[in-house]
Amino acid sequence: MFPVKIHRFEQTQILPVSLDEAWSFFSDPRNLDGMTPPELAFRTESGDDEPMFAGQMIVHCIQILPKIWTTWLTEIVEVVDREYFIDEQRTGPYRLWHHLHRFEPCAEGVRMLDRVHYALPCHPFSAPAHRFFVRPQLEYIFGYRRRVLEERFSGEVAEK
């Protein structure tokens, strides 16, 4: 058995909207596909047909490398209305994926925090893949998401 190396990625973004508007958008799983870079060909296959709830299983298909696809099954494990929700990978490209989405009102609108704890299979052999591919890819995906949200909510978005 390989040891586990847990990595952490965090991004905070201020959205110039009400908490209700932010929550309404993020608690609808159908909005995830449009926040993912098109070249990943990310698409939700099932489980997005109702508002988010604890225990919801959502099946995605994602292209992790050119012509290499994987199924990514996530479970919404916890939801606290208008405060946060957590999704965890059940099957997919990571050994561990735990993603906290937190929302809190602030003077400028809503402060949204994404905190991801993740691990790759086969550590330490996966360390070069993490350094040169996985981490830069996560930064790119969340950077893309930041830009989409800036456009979607049409305002100046500050970073904290």
C-alpha atoms as a PDB file:
ATOM      1  CA  MET A   1       0.000   0.000   0.000  1.00  0.00           C
ATOM      2  CA  PHE A   2       1.284   3.444  -0.908  1.00  0.00           C
ATOM      3  CA  PRO A   3       1.341   6.241   1.683  1.00  0.00           C
ATOM      4  CA  VAL A   4      -1.122   9.114   1.225  1.00  0.00           C
ATOM      5  CA  LYS A   5       0.065  12.666   0.544  1.00  0.00           C
ATOM      6  CA  ILE A   6      -2.835  15.077   0.999  1.00  0.00           C
ATOM      7  CA  HIS A   7      -2.648  18.344  -0.922  1.00  0.00           C
ATOM      8  CA  ARG A   8      -4.724  21.457  -0.353  1.00  0.00           C
ATOM      9  CA  PHE A   9      -5.994  23.998  -2.860  1.00  0.00           C
ATOM     10  CA  GLU A  10      -7.873  27.093  -1.738  1.00  0.00           C
ATOM     11  CA  GLN A  11      -9.447  30.004  -3.557  1.00  0.00           C
ATOM     12  CA  THR A  12     -11.595  32.857  -2.238  1.00  0.00           C
ATOM     13  CA  GLN A  13     -13.709  35.062  -4.437  1.00  0.00           C
ATOM     14  CA  ILE A  14     -16.066  37.945  -3.678  1.00  0.00           C
ATOM     15  CA  LEU A  15     -19.291  37.823  -5.674  1.00  0.00           C
ATOM     16  CA  PRO A  16     -21.245  41.106  -5.894  1.00  0.00           C
ATOM     17  CA  VAL A  17     -24.603  39.405  -5.299  1.00  0.00           C
ATOM     18  CA  SER A  18     -26.888  38.511  -2.417  1.00  0.00           C
ATOM     19  CA  LEU A  19     -26.379  35.313  -0.456  1.00  0.00           C
ATOM     20  CA  ASP A  20     -29.699  34.011  -1.792  1.00  0.00           C
ATOM     21  CA  GLU A  21     -28.622  34.572  -5.417  1.00  0.00           C
ATOM     22  CA  ALA A  22     -25.221  32.942  -4.885  1.00  0.00           C
ATOM     23  CA  TRP A  23     -26.746  29.964  -3.071  1.00  0.00           C
ATOM     24  CA  SER A  24     -29.435  29.504  -5.713  1.00  0.00           C
ATOM     25  CA  PHE A  25     -26.790  29.345  -8.441  1.00  0.00           C
ATOM     26  CA  PHE A  26     -24.328  27.030  -6.663  1.00  0.00           C
ATOM     27  CA  SER A  27     -26.918  24.662  -5.220  1.00  0.00           C
ATOM     28  CA  ASP A  28     -28.100  23.814  -8.742  1.00  0.00           C
ATOM     29  CA  PRO A  29     -25.770  21.021  -9.956  1.00  0.00           C
ATOM     30  CA  ARG A  30     -26.641  21.820 -13.590  1.00  0.00           C
ATOM     31  CA  ASN A  31     -24.450  24.941 -13.373  1.00  0.00           C
ATOM     32  CA  LEU A  32     -21.190  23.024 -12.866  1.00  0.00           C
ATOM     33  CA  ASP A  33     -20.648  22.030 -16.507  1.00  0.00           C
ATOM     34  CA  GLY A  34     -20.579  25.676 -17.631  1.00  0.00           C
ATOM     35  CA  MET A  35     -17.926  26.580 -15.040  1.00  0.00           C
ATOM     36  CA  THR A  36     -15.431  24.018 -16.352  1.00  0.00           C
ATOM     37  CA  PRO A  37     -13.003  24.732 -19.215  1.00  0.00           C
ATOM     38  CA  PRO A  38     -14.473  23.423 -22.483  1.00  0.00           C
ATOM     39  CA  GLU A  39     -11.318  21.518 -23.455  1.00  0.00           C
ATOM     40  CA  LEU A  40     -11.931  19.129 -20.542  1.00  0.00           C
ATOM     41  CA  ALA A  41     -15.230  18.171 -22.182  1.00  0.00           C
ATOM     42  CA  PHE A  42     -16.676  17.879 -18.674  1.00  0.00           C
ATOM     43  CA  ARG A  43     -20.288  16.832 -18.678  1.00  0.00           C
ATOM     44  CA  THR A  44     -22.723  15.678 -16.070  1.00  0.00           C
ATOM     45  CA  GLU A  45     -24.280  12.359 -16.993  1.00  0.00           C
ATOM     46  CA  SER A  46     -26.812  11.963 -14.174  1.00  0.00           C
ATOM     47  CA  GLY A  47     -27.809  13.127 -10.726  1.00  0.00           C
ATOM     48  CA  ASP A  48     -28.276  16.821 -11.519  1.00  0.00           C
ATOM     49  CA  ASP A  49     -32.043  16.656 -12.026  1.00  0.00           C
ATOM     50  CA  GLU A  50     -32.951  18.135  -8.635  1.00  0.00           C
ATOM     51  CA  PRO A  51     -31.595  20.764  -6.237  1.00  0.00           C
ATOM     52  CA  MET A  52     -28.585  19.739  -4.196  1.00  0.00           C
ATOM     53  CA  PHE A  53     -29.105  17.611  -1.082  1.00  0.00           C
ATOM     54  CA  ALA A  54     -26.947  15.517   1.242  1.00  0.00           C
ATOM     55  CA  GLY A  55     -26.599  12.032  -0.203  1.00  0.00           C
ATOM     56  CA  GLN A  56     -27.000  13.160  -3.830  1.00  0.00           C
ATOM     57  CA  MET A  57     -24.842  11.156  -6.222  1.00  0.00           C
ATOM     58  CA  ILE A  58     -23.727  12.956  -9.379  1.00  0.00           C
ATOM     59  CA  VAL A  59     -21.997  11.203 -12.276  1.00  0.00           C
ATOM     60  CA  HIS A  60     -19.651  13.221 -14.481  1.00  0.00           C
ATOM     61  CA  CYS A  61     -17.537  12.311 -17.485  1.00  0.00           C
ATOM     62  CA  ILE A  62     -14.268  14.212 -17.964  1.00  0.00           C
ATOM     63  CA  GLN A  63     -11.425  14.096 -20.434  1.00  0.00           C
ATOM     64  CA  ILE A  64      -8.281  13.986 -18.285  1.00  0.00           C
ATOM     65  CA  LEU A  65      -5.853  13.778 -21.223  1.00  0.00           C
ATOM     66  CA  PRO A  66      -6.483  13.946 -24.969  1.00  0.00           C
ATOM     67  CA  LYS A  67      -8.705  10.973 -25.847  1.00  0.00           C
ATOM     68  CA  ILE A  68      -8.556   9.640 -22.276  1.00  0.00           C
ATOM     69  CA  TRP A  69     -11.886   9.834 -20.456  1.00  0.00           C
ATOM     70  CA  THR A  70     -12.865   8.893 -16.948  1.00  0.00           C
ATOM     71  CA  THR A  71     -16.083   8.709 -14.994  1.00  0.00           C
ATOM     72  CA  TRP A  72     -16.158  10.835 -11.867  1.00  0.00           C
ATOM     73  CA  LEU A  73     -18.785   9.970  -9.268  1.00  0.00           C
ATOM     74  CA  THR A  74     -19.239  12.582  -6.555  1.00  0.00           C
ATOM     75  CA  GLU A  75     -21.483  12.551  -3.526  1.00  0.00           C
ATOM     76  CA  ILE A  76     -22.838  15.661  -1.850  1.00  0.00           C
ATOM     77  CA  VAL A  77     -22.070  14.602   1.710  1.00  0.00           C
ATOM     78  CA  GLU A  78     -23.175  17.662   3.661  1.00  0.00           C
ATOM     79  CA  VAL A  79     -25.332  20.721   2.999  1.00  0.00           C
ATOM     80  CA  VAL A  80     -26.014  23.604   5.367  1.00  0.00           C
ATOM     81  CA  ASP A  81     -28.435  25.921   3.581  1.00  0.00           C
ATOM     82  CA  ARG A  82     -26.853  29.204   2.500  1.00  0.00           C
ATOM     83  CA  GLU A  83     -23.630  28.415   4.412  1.00  0.00           C
ATOM     84  CA  TYR A  84     -21.720  25.553   2.789  1.00  0.00           C
ATOM     85  CA  PHE A  85     -21.795  22.221   1.066  1.00  0.00           C
ATOM     86  CA  ILE A  86     -19.225  19.470   0.650  1.00  0.00           C
ATOM     87  CA  ASP A  87     -18.744  17.104  -2.247  1.00  0.00           C
ATOM     88  CA  GLU A  88     -16.505  14.043  -2.145  1.00  0.00           C
ATOM     89  CA  GLN A  89     -15.332  11.773  -4.917  1.00  0.00           C
ATOM     90  CA  ARG A  90     -16.537   8.197  -4.688  1.00  0.00           C
ATOM     91  CA  THR A  91     -14.808   7.022  -7.888  1.00  0.00           C
ATOM     92  CA  GLY A  92     -12.648   8.972 -10.280  1.00  0.00           C
ATOM     93  CA  PRO A  93      -9.159  10.245 -11.001  1.00  0.00           C
ATOM     94  CA  TYR A  94      -8.132  11.045  -7.423  1.00  0.00           C
ATOM     95  CA  ARG A  95      -7.362   8.820  -4.476  1.00  0.00           C
ATOM     96  CA  LEU A  96      -9.102  11.434  -2.319  1.00  0.00           C
ATOM     97  CA  TRP A  97     -11.222  14.487  -3.236  1.00  0.00           C
ATOM     98  CA  HIS A  98     -12.982  16.536  -0.543  1.00  0.00           C
ATOM     99  CA  HIS A  99     -14.319  19.917  -1.716  1.00  0.00           C
ATOM    100  CA  LEU A 100     -15.786  22.472   0.682  1.00  0.00           C
ATOM    101  CA  HIS A 101     -17.806  25.331  -0.845  1.00  0.00           C
ATOM    102  CA  ARG A 102     -18.429  28.015   1.806  1.00  0.00           C
ATOM    103  CA  PHE A 103     -20.539  31.171   1.403  1.00  0.00           C
ATOM    104  CA  GLU A 104     -20.662  34.117   3.782  1.00  0.00           C
ATOM    105  CA  PRO A 105     -22.162  37.565   3.396  1.00  0.00           C
ATOM    106  CA  CYS A 106     -19.731  40.475   3.338  1.00  0.00           C
ATOM    107  CA  ALA A 107     -19.948  44.208   2.596  1.00  0.00           C
ATOM    108  CA  GLU A 108     -19.252  43.604  -1.116  1.00  0.00           C
ATOM    109  CA  GLY A 109     -21.764  40.748  -1.501  1.00  0.00           C
ATOM    110  CA  VAL A 110     -20.766  37.150  -0.787  1.00  0.00           C
ATOM    111  CA  ARG A 111     -17.357  35.733   0.025  1.00  0.00           C
ATOM    112  CA  MET A 112     -17.102  32.303  -1.543  1.00  0.00           C
ATOM    113  CA  LEU A 113     -14.412  29.884  -0.459  1.00  0.00           C
ATOM    114  CA  ASP A 114     -13.401  26.764  -2.350  1.00  0.00           C
ATOM    115  CA  ARG A 115     -11.170  24.488  -0.257  1.00  0.00           C
ATOM    116  CA  VAL A 116     -10.121  21.205  -1.813  1.00  0.00           C
ATOM    117  CA  HIS A 117      -8.181  18.465  -0.074  1.00  0.00           C
ATOM    118  CA  TYR A 118      -7.026  15.884  -2.572  1.00  0.00           C
ATOM    119  CA  ALA A 119      -4.580  13.037  -2.970  1.00  0.00           C
ATOM    120  CA  LEU A 120      -3.269  11.188  -5.986  1.00  0.00           C
ATOM    121  CA  PRO A 121      -2.824   7.452  -6.253  1.00  0.00           C
ATOM    122  CA  CYS A 122       0.622   5.854  -5.906  1.00  0.00           C
ATOM    123  CA  HIS A 123       2.408   8.497  -3.855  1.00  0.00           C
ATOM    124  CA  PRO A 124       5.383   9.152  -3.981  1.00  0.00           C
ATOM    125  CA  PHE A 125       5.506   8.053  -7.620  1.00  0.00           C
ATOM    126  CA  SER A 126       2.742  10.519  -8.514  1.00  0.00           C
ATOM    127  CA  ALA A 127       4.694  13.523  -7.132  1.00  0.00           C
ATOM    128  CA  PRO A 128       6.041  14.629 -10.535  1.00  0.00           C
ATOM    129  CA  ALA A 129       2.556  14.359 -12.075  1.00  0.00           C
ATOM    130  CA  HIS A 130       1.205  16.488  -9.238  1.00  0.00           C
ATOM    131  CA  ARG A 131       3.886  19.147  -9.606  1.00  0.00           C
ATOM    132  CA  PHE A 132       3.868  19.431 -13.383  1.00  0.00           C
ATOM    133  CA  PHE A 133       0.302  18.530 -14.335  1.00  0.00           C
ATOM    134  CA  VAL A 134      -2.313  18.083 -11.598  1.00  0.00           C
ATOM    135  CA  ARG A 135      -1.644  21.209  -9.516  1.00  0.00           C
ATOM    136  CA  PRO A 136      -1.283  23.512 -12.551  1.00  0.00           C
ATOM    137  CA  GLN A 137      -4.461  21.955 -14.005  1.00  0.00           C
ATOM    138  CA  LEU A 138      -6.410  22.627 -10.783  1.00  0.00           C
ATOM    139  CA  GLU A 139      -5.157  26.226 -10.740  1.00  0.00           C
ATOM    140  CA  TYR A 140      -6.243  26.602 -14.364  1.00  0.00           C
ATOM    141  CA  ILE A 141      -9.689  25.087 -13.760  1.00  0.00           C
ATOM    142  CA  PHE A 142     -10.395  27.281 -10.736  1.00  0.00           C
ATOM    143  CA  GLY A 143      -8.993  30.324 -12.551  1.00  0.00           C
ATOM    144  CA  TYR A 144     -11.399  29.600 -15.394  1.00  0.00           C
ATOM    145  CA  ARG A 145     -14.227  29.237 -12.885  1.00  0.00           C
ATOM    146  CA  ARG A 146     -13.277  32.613 -11.363  1.00  0.00           C
ATOM    147  CA  ARG A 147     -13.531  34.312 -14.775  1.00  0.00           C
ATOM    148  CA  VAL A 148     -16.865  32.637 -15.579  1.00  0.00           C
ATOM    149  CA  LEU A 149     -18.290  33.798 -12.253  1.00  0.00           C
ATOM    150  CA  GLU A 150     -17.015  37.335 -12.810  1.00  0.00           C
ATOM    151  CA  GLU A 151     -18.860  37.426 -16.138  1.00  0.00           C
ATOM    152  CA  ARG A 152     -21.940  35.685 -14.773  1.00  0.00           C
ATOM    153  CA  PHE A 153     -22.399  38.044 -11.865  1.00  0.00           C
ATOM    154  CA  SER A 154     -21.254  41.144 -13.816  1.00  0.00           C
ATOM    155  CA  GLY A 155     -19.269  43.036 -11.271  1.00  0.00           C
ATOM    156  CA  GLU A 156     -15.852  43.811 -10.010  1.00  0.00           C
ATOM    157  CA  VAL A 157     -14.666  40.743  -8.149  1.00  0.00           C
ATOM    158  CA  ALA A 158     -12.010  41.168  -5.498  1.00  0.00           C
ATOM    159  CA  GLU A 159      -9.622  38.466  -4.312  1.00  0.00           C
ATOM    160  CA  LYS A 160      -8.868  37.936  -0.651  1.00  0.00           C
END
